[in-house]
């Protein structure tokens, strides 16, 4: 039977050779029960509660980073949806070859809302799309978060999250980029 964490702690706990060795009795006149280093049920509950609080804080802080009103700037790079290319365009290449590049400050939260980032879903197919639109959103600390769109999907920079886009989305960003 494997030893529990409490049993392992009791076996490996340091022992003071002067008073607590197995051969000698405690120096006090009253015999006290041996103290174990285990957390006990009260300590386990505190550890679980603390772990849950840390997890919840991490979860809420990551969700708040995605709120649309936290974006300070949006840079939009656009190549027309109908341009044919010999090879798939990466977001970096779209930034280099863009027909238009626009920067928005006041409208950045609205642009982020129109991306409907909450609808992005984890995809099994992490194949990069043929980028035509790149949106760089910047936080107050200057961190850049990149999203890009092909004719058919909006994606995170690493293509792990995607969602389909429609003609209304394509037309909205085509107008914004002009």
Protein backbone atom coordinates (compact mmCIF):
# COMPACT_ATOMS: atom_id res chain seq x y z
CA UNK A 1 0.00 0.00 0.00
CA UNK A 2 1.55 3.37 -0.98
CA UNK A 3 2.27 5.82 1.80
CA UNK A 4 0.10 8.91 2.03
CA UNK A 5 1.65 12.37 2.05
CA UNK A 6 1.05 12.64 5.81
CA UNK A 7 2.78 9.31 6.48
CA UNK A 8 5.72 10.32 4.32
CA UNK A 9 6.04 13.60 6.23
CA UNK A 10 5.94 11.77 9.56
CA UNK A 11 8.70 9.35 8.49
CA UNK A 12 10.97 12.02 7.08
CA UNK A 13 10.35 14.74 9.65
CA UNK A 14 13.57 15.99 11.27
CA UNK A 15 14.08 14.71 14.80
CA UNK A 16 16.00 16.55 17.50
CA UNK A 17 18.55 13.96 18.74
CA UNK A 18 18.74 15.51 22.22
CA UNK A 19 15.12 15.13 23.24
CA UNK A 20 13.07 13.41 20.57
CA UNK A 21 15.06 10.40 19.53
CA UNK A 22 13.16 7.14 19.71
CA UNK A 23 15.29 5.96 22.65
CA UNK A 24 14.65 8.96 24.90
CA UNK A 25 11.54 10.40 26.49
CA UNK A 26 10.52 14.08 26.16
CA UNK A 27 12.18 16.39 28.70
CA UNK A 28 8.93 17.88 30.00
CA UNK A 29 7.31 16.27 33.01
CA UNK A 30 4.05 15.89 31.12
CA UNK A 31 4.15 13.45 28.28
CA UNK A 32 2.71 14.98 25.13
CA UNK A 33 1.59 13.08 22.07
CA UNK A 34 4.00 13.15 19.15
CA UNK A 35 3.43 16.07 16.79
CA UNK A 36 3.09 15.29 13.13
CA UNK A 37 3.84 17.68 10.30
CA UNK A 38 0.62 16.83 8.49
CA UNK A 39 -1.81 19.55 7.57
CA UNK A 40 -4.78 17.58 8.78
CA UNK A 41 -8.27 18.06 7.41
CA UNK A 42 -8.35 21.75 8.41
CA UNK A 43 -5.10 22.47 6.55
CA UNK A 44 -6.23 20.50 3.49
CA UNK A 45 -9.41 22.57 3.30
CA UNK A 46 -7.42 25.79 3.56
CA UNK A 47 -5.07 24.68 0.79
CA UNK A 48 -8.01 23.73 -1.46
CA UNK A 49 -9.73 27.05 -0.78
CA UNK A 50 -6.55 29.00 -1.45
CA UNK A 51 -5.96 27.04 -4.66
CA UNK A 52 -9.51 27.78 -5.81
CA UNK A 53 -9.12 31.50 -5.08
CA UNK A 54 -5.85 31.66 -7.02
CA UNK A 55 -7.44 29.78 -9.93
CA UNK A 56 -10.49 32.08 -9.94
CA UNK A 57 -8.35 35.22 -9.86
CA UNK A 58 -6.28 33.95 -12.76
CA UNK A 59 -9.40 33.08 -14.72
CA UNK A 60 -11.06 36.45 -14.15
CA UNK A 61 -7.90 38.38 -14.95
CA UNK A 62 -7.51 36.56 -18.27
CA UNK A 63 -11.17 37.14 -19.13
CA UNK A 64 -10.92 40.84 -18.31
CA UNK A 65 -7.94 41.14 -20.65
CA UNK A 66 -10.28 40.17 -23.50
CA UNK A 67 -12.94 42.76 -22.76
CA UNK A 68 -13.43 45.05 -25.72
CA UNK A 69 -13.24 48.29 -23.71
CA UNK A 70 -9.65 47.57 -22.61
CA UNK A 71 -8.18 48.11 -26.09
CA UNK A 72 -6.33 51.39 -26.60
CA UNK A 73 -5.45 51.14 -30.29
CA UNK A 74 -6.30 49.05 -33.32
CA UNK A 75 -4.11 48.81 -36.42
CA UNK A 76 -5.84 47.34 -39.47
CA UNK A 77 -3.92 46.02 -42.49
CA UNK A 78 -6.00 44.99 -45.49
CA UNK A 79 -5.51 43.33 -48.87
CA UNK A 80 -8.70 42.99 -50.91
CA UNK A 81 -10.59 39.78 -50.26
CA UNK A 82 -10.63 38.85 -53.97
CA UNK A 83 -6.90 39.22 -54.73
CA UNK A 84 -5.47 35.94 -55.98
CA UNK A 85 -1.99 34.92 -54.83
CA UNK A 86 0.30 32.00 -55.67
CA UNK A 87 0.99 31.23 -52.01
CA UNK A 88 -0.88 31.62 -48.76
CA UNK A 89 -0.29 35.03 -47.16
CA UNK A 90 0.81 35.17 -43.54
CA UNK A 91 -0.20 38.02 -41.22
CA UNK A 92 3.39 39.33 -41.41
CA UNK A 93 3.23 39.38 -45.21
CA UNK A 94 -0.14 41.18 -45.15
CA UNK A 95 1.44 43.87 -42.96
CA UNK A 96 4.19 44.30 -45.57
CA UNK A 97 1.99 44.26 -48.69
CA UNK A 98 -1.22 45.84 -47.39
CA UNK A 99 -3.21 47.99 -49.82
CA UNK A 100 -4.26 50.04 -46.84
CA UNK A 101 -3.17 50.47 -43.25
CA UNK A 102 -5.27 52.40 -40.75
CA UNK A 103 -4.83 53.14 -37.07
CA UNK A 104 -7.82 53.70 -34.79
CA UNK A 105 -7.64 54.95 -31.22
CA UNK A 106 -11.10 56.08 -30.12
CA UNK A 107 -12.77 53.35 -32.18
CA UNK A 108 -10.52 50.51 -30.94
CA UNK A 109 -13.05 49.11 -28.43
CA UNK A 110 -15.79 49.18 -31.07
CA UNK A 111 -13.54 47.39 -33.58
CA UNK A 112 -12.72 44.73 -30.98
CA UNK A 113 -16.45 44.25 -30.27
CA UNK A 114 -17.17 43.84 -33.98
CA UNK A 115 -14.65 40.98 -34.13
CA UNK A 116 -16.91 39.01 -31.74
CA UNK A 117 -13.88 37.44 -30.08
CA UNK A 118 -16.11 35.54 -27.66
CA UNK A 119 -17.30 33.42 -30.62
CA UNK A 120 -13.81 32.12 -31.41
CA UNK A 121 -13.65 28.36 -30.87
CA UNK A 122 -10.71 26.04 -30.34
CA UNK A 123 -10.03 24.23 -33.59
CA UNK A 124 -8.57 20.80 -34.20
CA UNK A 125 -7.20 21.99 -37.54
CA UNK A 126 -4.48 24.48 -36.64
CA UNK A 127 -3.68 25.01 -40.31
CA UNK A 128 -2.98 28.69 -40.99
CA UNK A 129 -5.49 30.47 -43.23
CA UNK A 130 -4.74 32.64 -46.27
CA UNK A 131 -4.68 36.04 -44.52
CA UNK A 132 -6.21 39.13 -46.10
CA UNK A 133 -7.00 41.22 -43.02
CA UNK A 134 -4.78 41.70 -39.96
CA UNK A 135 -6.02 43.46 -36.83
CA UNK A 136 -3.48 44.33 -34.16
CA UNK A 137 -5.16 45.33 -30.90
CA UNK A 138 -3.04 47.10 -28.29
CA UNK A 139 -3.62 47.18 -24.54
CA UNK A 140 -2.86 50.09 -22.22
CA UNK A 141 0.53 48.50 -21.47
CA UNK A 142 1.37 48.38 -25.18
CA UNK A 143 0.96 44.62 -25.56
CA UNK A 144 -0.08 43.67 -29.09
CA UNK A 145 -2.66 40.94 -29.68
CA UNK A 146 -3.04 39.92 -33.31
CA UNK A 147 -6.07 38.50 -35.09
CA UNK A 148 -6.30 37.85 -38.79
CA UNK A 149 -8.98 36.89 -41.27
CA UNK A 150 -9.05 34.95 -44.48
CA UNK A 151 -12.03 35.15 -46.78
CA UNK A 152 -13.75 32.51 -44.63
CA UNK A 153 -12.47 32.67 -41.03
CA UNK A 154 -11.29 35.00 -38.27
CA UNK A 155 -8.32 33.47 -36.43
CA UNK A 156 -5.95 34.09 -33.57
CA UNK A 157 -2.36 34.72 -34.60
CA UNK A 158 -1.41 31.07 -33.97
CA UNK A 159 -4.57 29.73 -35.70
CA UNK A 160 -5.66 27.76 -32.63
CA UNK A 161 -8.98 29.61 -32.31
CA UNK A 162 -11.21 30.37 -35.29
CA UNK A 163 -14.72 31.36 -36.23
CA UNK A 164 -16.46 31.69 -39.57
CA UNK A 165 -17.06 35.16 -41.02
CA UNK A 166 -19.77 36.34 -43.39
CA UNK A 167 -20.18 38.90 -46.15
CA UNK A 168 -21.29 41.54 -43.63
CA UNK A 169 -17.99 41.12 -41.71
CA UNK A 170 -15.98 41.35 -44.95
CA UNK A 171 -17.79 44.51 -46.09
CA UNK A 172 -17.48 46.19 -42.66
CA UNK A 173 -13.71 45.79 -42.58
CA UNK A 174 -13.32 46.67 -46.23
CA UNK A 175 -15.07 50.00 -45.49
CA UNK A 176 -13.01 50.56 -42.33
CA UNK A 177 -9.75 50.04 -44.15
CA UNK A 178 -10.45 52.62 -46.90
